[in-house]
Amino acid sequence: FWRPSDLTWVKLERIQFIGACNPPTDAGRVPLTPRFLRHTPLLYVDFPGRESLKQIYGTFCRALLKLVPALRSNAQPLTDAIVEYYMSCKDHYNRDAQAHYIFSPRELSRWTRALYEAIRHKD
């Protein structure tokens, strides 16, 4: 591309464009066209399982509860509770019941962020 600040052409090499998207079966999504896909490698990575979620959100909960030393010992029970609740909601509210029921680990991230905001503003 042309950089007008010093009147030179800039050459780009070895550039990767990475994107993330939900499957076209999710509500409000459309399939990627074969024309686009023929030029694009596609990698599918599924959501983490129960044990992986416990490891990931256990780290978040331990960091979160460091803000309240009296609650530090509750990091593991909190992690187990939010992951189990997420899994039960995900199993109960599925796309077979309603097309707009989409649960992802983003829900867990929102919950831990909300807990952080509540703890941070408790004073």
C-alpha atoms as a PDB file:
ATOM      1  CA  PHE A   1       0.000   0.000   0.000  1.00  0.00           C
ATOM      2  CA  TRP A   2       1.029   3.598  -0.454  1.00  0.00           C
ATOM      3  CA  ARG A   3       2.199   5.527   2.597  1.00  0.00           C
ATOM      4  CA  PRO A   4       1.707   9.230   1.847  1.00  0.00           C
ATOM      5  CA  SER A   5       3.644  10.472   4.883  1.00  0.00           C
ATOM      6  CA  ASP A   6       7.010   9.651   3.247  1.00  0.00           C
ATOM      7  CA  LEU A   7       5.782   8.893  -0.309  1.00  0.00           C
ATOM      8  CA  THR A   8       6.794   5.217  -0.355  1.00  0.00           C
ATOM      9  CA  TRP A   9       5.219   1.884  -1.175  1.00  0.00           C
ATOM     10  CA  VAL A  10       4.983  -0.502   1.767  1.00  0.00           C
ATOM     11  CA  LYS A  11       5.235  -4.199   0.988  1.00  0.00           C
ATOM     12  CA  LEU A  12       3.612  -6.697   3.336  1.00  0.00           C
ATOM     13  CA  GLU A  13       4.745 -10.320   3.485  1.00  0.00           C
ATOM     14  CA  ARG A  14       3.781 -13.296   5.611  1.00  0.00           C
ATOM     15  CA  ILE A  15       0.635 -11.667   6.958  1.00  0.00           C
ATOM     16  CA  GLN A  16      -2.114 -13.785   8.526  1.00  0.00           C
ATOM     17  CA  PHE A  17      -5.686 -12.702   9.011  1.00  0.00           C
ATOM     18  CA  ILE A  18      -7.335 -14.633  11.798  1.00  0.00           C
ATOM     19  CA  GLY A  19     -11.000 -14.518  12.601  1.00  0.00           C
ATOM     20  CA  ALA A  20     -13.424 -16.324  14.838  1.00  0.00           C
ATOM     21  CA  CYS A  21     -17.004 -17.137  14.083  1.00  0.00           C
ATOM     22  CA  ASN A  22     -19.767 -19.374  15.307  1.00  0.00           C
ATOM     23  CA  PRO A  23     -21.066 -22.205  13.158  1.00  0.00           C
ATOM     24  CA  PRO A  24     -23.631 -21.226  10.528  1.00  0.00           C
ATOM     25  CA  THR A  25     -26.210 -23.302  12.418  1.00  0.00           C
ATOM     26  CA  ASP A  26     -26.251 -20.716  15.227  1.00  0.00           C
ATOM     27  CA  ALA A  27     -29.068 -18.188  15.165  1.00  0.00           C
ATOM     28  CA  GLY A  28     -28.335 -15.125  13.055  1.00  0.00           C
ATOM     29  CA  ARG A  29     -25.335 -16.644  11.289  1.00  0.00           C
ATOM     30  CA  VAL A  30     -24.887 -17.350   7.603  1.00  0.00           C
ATOM     31  CA  PRO A  31     -22.593 -19.928   6.010  1.00  0.00           C
ATOM     32  CA  LEU A  32     -19.278 -18.838   4.514  1.00  0.00           C
ATOM     33  CA  THR A  33     -19.352 -19.169   0.754  1.00  0.00           C
ATOM     34  CA  PRO A  34     -17.357 -21.877  -1.028  1.00  0.00           C
ATOM     35  CA  ARG A  35     -15.679 -19.093  -3.038  1.00  0.00           C
ATOM     36  CA  PHE A  36     -14.318 -17.590   0.182  1.00  0.00           C
ATOM     37  CA  LEU A  37     -13.442 -20.953   1.746  1.00  0.00           C
ATOM     38  CA  ARG A  38     -11.407 -22.105  -1.267  1.00  0.00           C
ATOM     39  CA  HIS A  39      -8.870 -19.360  -0.456  1.00  0.00           C
ATOM     40  CA  THR A  40      -8.981 -19.783   3.306  1.00  0.00           C
ATOM     41  CA  PRO A  41      -7.754 -22.566   5.558  1.00  0.00           C
ATOM     42  CA  LEU A  42     -10.362 -23.411   8.154  1.00  0.00           C
ATOM     43  CA  LEU A  43      -9.701 -24.783  11.621  1.00  0.00           C
ATOM     44  CA  TYR A  44     -12.484 -25.855  13.954  1.00  0.00           C
ATOM     45  CA  VAL A  45     -11.837 -25.666  17.678  1.00  0.00           C
ATOM     46  CA  ASP A  46     -14.677 -26.749  19.943  1.00  0.00           C
ATOM     47  CA  PHE A  47     -15.450 -25.285  23.362  1.00  0.00           C
ATOM     48  CA  PRO A  48     -13.365 -26.620  26.257  1.00  0.00           C
ATOM     49  CA  GLY A  49     -14.719 -29.517  28.298  1.00  0.00           C
ATOM     50  CA  ARG A  50     -15.672 -29.510  31.980  1.00  0.00           C
ATOM     51  CA  GLU A  51     -12.161 -30.169  33.345  1.00  0.00           C
ATOM     52  CA  SER A  52     -10.568 -27.560  31.086  1.00  0.00           C
ATOM     53  CA  LEU A  53     -13.176 -25.017  32.140  1.00  0.00           C
ATOM     54  CA  LYS A  54     -12.444 -25.766  35.787  1.00  0.00           C
ATOM     55  CA  GLN A  55      -8.749 -25.199  35.183  1.00  0.00           C
ATOM     56  CA  ILE A  56      -9.278 -21.961  33.250  1.00  0.00           C
ATOM     57  CA  TYR A  57     -11.893 -20.441  35.547  1.00  0.00           C
ATOM     58  CA  GLY A  58     -10.156 -21.787  38.644  1.00  0.00           C
ATOM     59  CA  THR A  59      -7.274 -19.492  37.750  1.00  0.00           C
ATOM     60  CA  PHE A  60      -9.688 -16.573  37.379  1.00  0.00           C
ATOM     61  CA  CYS A  61     -11.450 -17.337  40.667  1.00  0.00           C
ATOM     62  CA  ARG A  62      -8.189 -17.654  42.619  1.00  0.00           C
ATOM     63  CA  ALA A  63      -7.039 -14.289  41.256  1.00  0.00           C
ATOM     64  CA  LEU A  64     -10.439 -12.774  41.956  1.00  0.00           C
ATOM     65  CA  LEU A  65     -10.608 -13.945  45.556  1.00  0.00           C
ATOM     66  CA  LYS A  66      -7.125 -12.641  46.309  1.00  0.00           C
ATOM     67  CA  LEU A  67      -8.898  -9.290  46.524  1.00  0.00           C
ATOM     68  CA  VAL A  68     -10.779 -10.553  49.601  1.00  0.00           C
ATOM     69  CA  PRO A  69      -8.342 -12.548  51.742  1.00  0.00           C
ATOM     70  CA  ALA A  70     -11.125 -13.943  53.937  1.00  0.00           C
ATOM     71  CA  LEU A  71     -12.641 -15.659  50.877  1.00  0.00           C
ATOM     72  CA  ARG A  72      -9.461 -17.140  49.355  1.00  0.00           C
ATOM     73  CA  SER A  73     -10.275 -20.640  50.566  1.00  0.00           C
ATOM     74  CA  ASN A  74     -13.539 -20.542  48.581  1.00  0.00           C
ATOM     75  CA  ALA A  75     -11.902 -20.329  45.143  1.00  0.00           C
ATOM     76  CA  GLN A  76     -12.281 -24.034  44.359  1.00  0.00           C
ATOM     77  CA  PRO A  77     -15.906 -24.317  45.544  1.00  0.00           C
ATOM     78  CA  LEU A  78     -16.744 -21.152  43.574  1.00  0.00           C
ATOM     79  CA  THR A  79     -15.085 -22.570  40.463  1.00  0.00           C
ATOM     80  CA  ASP A  80     -16.889 -25.887  40.807  1.00  0.00           C
ATOM     81  CA  ALA A  81     -20.225 -24.123  41.342  1.00  0.00           C
ATOM     82  CA  ILE A  82     -20.029 -21.762  38.364  1.00  0.00           C
ATOM     83  CA  VAL A  83     -18.778 -24.467  35.993  1.00  0.00           C
ATOM     84  CA  GLU A  84     -21.450 -26.936  37.123  1.00  0.00           C
ATOM     85  CA  TYR A  85     -24.158 -24.282  36.841  1.00  0.00           C
ATOM     86  CA  TYR A  86     -22.917 -23.329  33.366  1.00  0.00           C
ATOM     87  CA  MET A  87     -22.914 -26.982  32.268  1.00  0.00           C
ATOM     88  CA  SER A  88     -26.429 -27.600  33.600  1.00  0.00           C
ATOM     89  CA  CYS A  89     -27.765 -24.441  31.904  1.00  0.00           C
ATOM     90  CA  LYS A  90     -26.017 -25.378  28.676  1.00  0.00           C
ATOM     91  CA  ASP A  91     -27.548 -28.865  28.779  1.00  0.00           C
ATOM     92  CA  HIS A  92     -31.026 -27.666  29.747  1.00  0.00           C
ATOM     93  CA  TYR A  93     -31.280 -24.609  27.488  1.00  0.00           C
ATOM     94  CA  ASN A  94     -30.120 -25.991  24.159  1.00  0.00           C
ATOM     95  CA  ARG A  95     -30.859 -25.153  20.557  1.00  0.00           C
ATOM     96  CA  ASP A  96     -33.307 -28.038  20.318  1.00  0.00           C
ATOM     97  CA  ALA A  97     -35.590 -26.168  22.720  1.00  0.00           C
ATOM     98  CA  GLN A  98     -35.101 -22.696  21.215  1.00  0.00           C
ATOM     99  CA  ALA A  99     -32.827 -21.610  18.357  1.00  0.00           C
ATOM    100  CA  HIS A 100     -31.608 -18.541  20.246  1.00  0.00           C
ATOM    101  CA  TYR A 101     -30.314 -20.523  23.250  1.00  0.00           C
ATOM    102  CA  ILE A 102     -26.569 -20.303  22.738  1.00  0.00           C
ATOM    103  CA  PHE A 103     -24.312 -20.904  25.712  1.00  0.00           C
ATOM    104  CA  SER A 104     -20.569 -20.498  25.415  1.00  0.00           C
ATOM    105  CA  PRO A 105     -17.723 -20.046  27.909  1.00  0.00           C
ATOM    106  CA  ARG A 106     -18.274 -16.333  27.381  1.00  0.00           C
ATOM    107  CA  GLU A 107     -21.032 -16.696  29.987  1.00  0.00           C
ATOM    108  CA  LEU A 108     -18.470 -17.821  32.571  1.00  0.00           C
ATOM    109  CA  SER A 109     -16.215 -14.911  31.665  1.00  0.00           C
ATOM    110  CA  ARG A 110     -19.111 -12.495  32.115  1.00  0.00           C
ATOM    111  CA  TRP A 111     -19.926 -13.998  35.502  1.00  0.00           C
ATOM    112  CA  THR A 112     -16.350 -13.742  36.774  1.00  0.00           C
ATOM    113  CA  ARG A 113     -16.095 -10.178  35.455  1.00  0.00           C
ATOM    114  CA  ALA A 114     -19.343  -9.304  37.240  1.00  0.00           C
ATOM    115  CA  LEU A 115     -17.997 -10.813  40.471  1.00  0.00           C
ATOM    116  CA  TYR A 116     -14.838  -8.747  40.066  1.00  0.00           C
ATOM    117  CA  GLU A 117     -16.864  -5.568  39.618  1.00  0.00           C
ATOM    118  CA  ALA A 118     -18.978  -6.381  42.678  1.00  0.00           C
ATOM    119  CA  ILE A 119     -15.908  -7.063  44.817  1.00  0.00           C
ATOM    120  CA  ARG A 120     -14.058  -4.030  43.532  1.00  0.00           C
ATOM    121  CA  HIS A 121     -16.926  -1.691  44.381  1.00  0.00           C
ATOM    122  CA  LYS A 122     -17.917  -3.267  47.701  1.00  0.00           C
ATOM    123  CA  ASP A 123     -16.362  -0.457  49.789  1.00  0.00           C
END
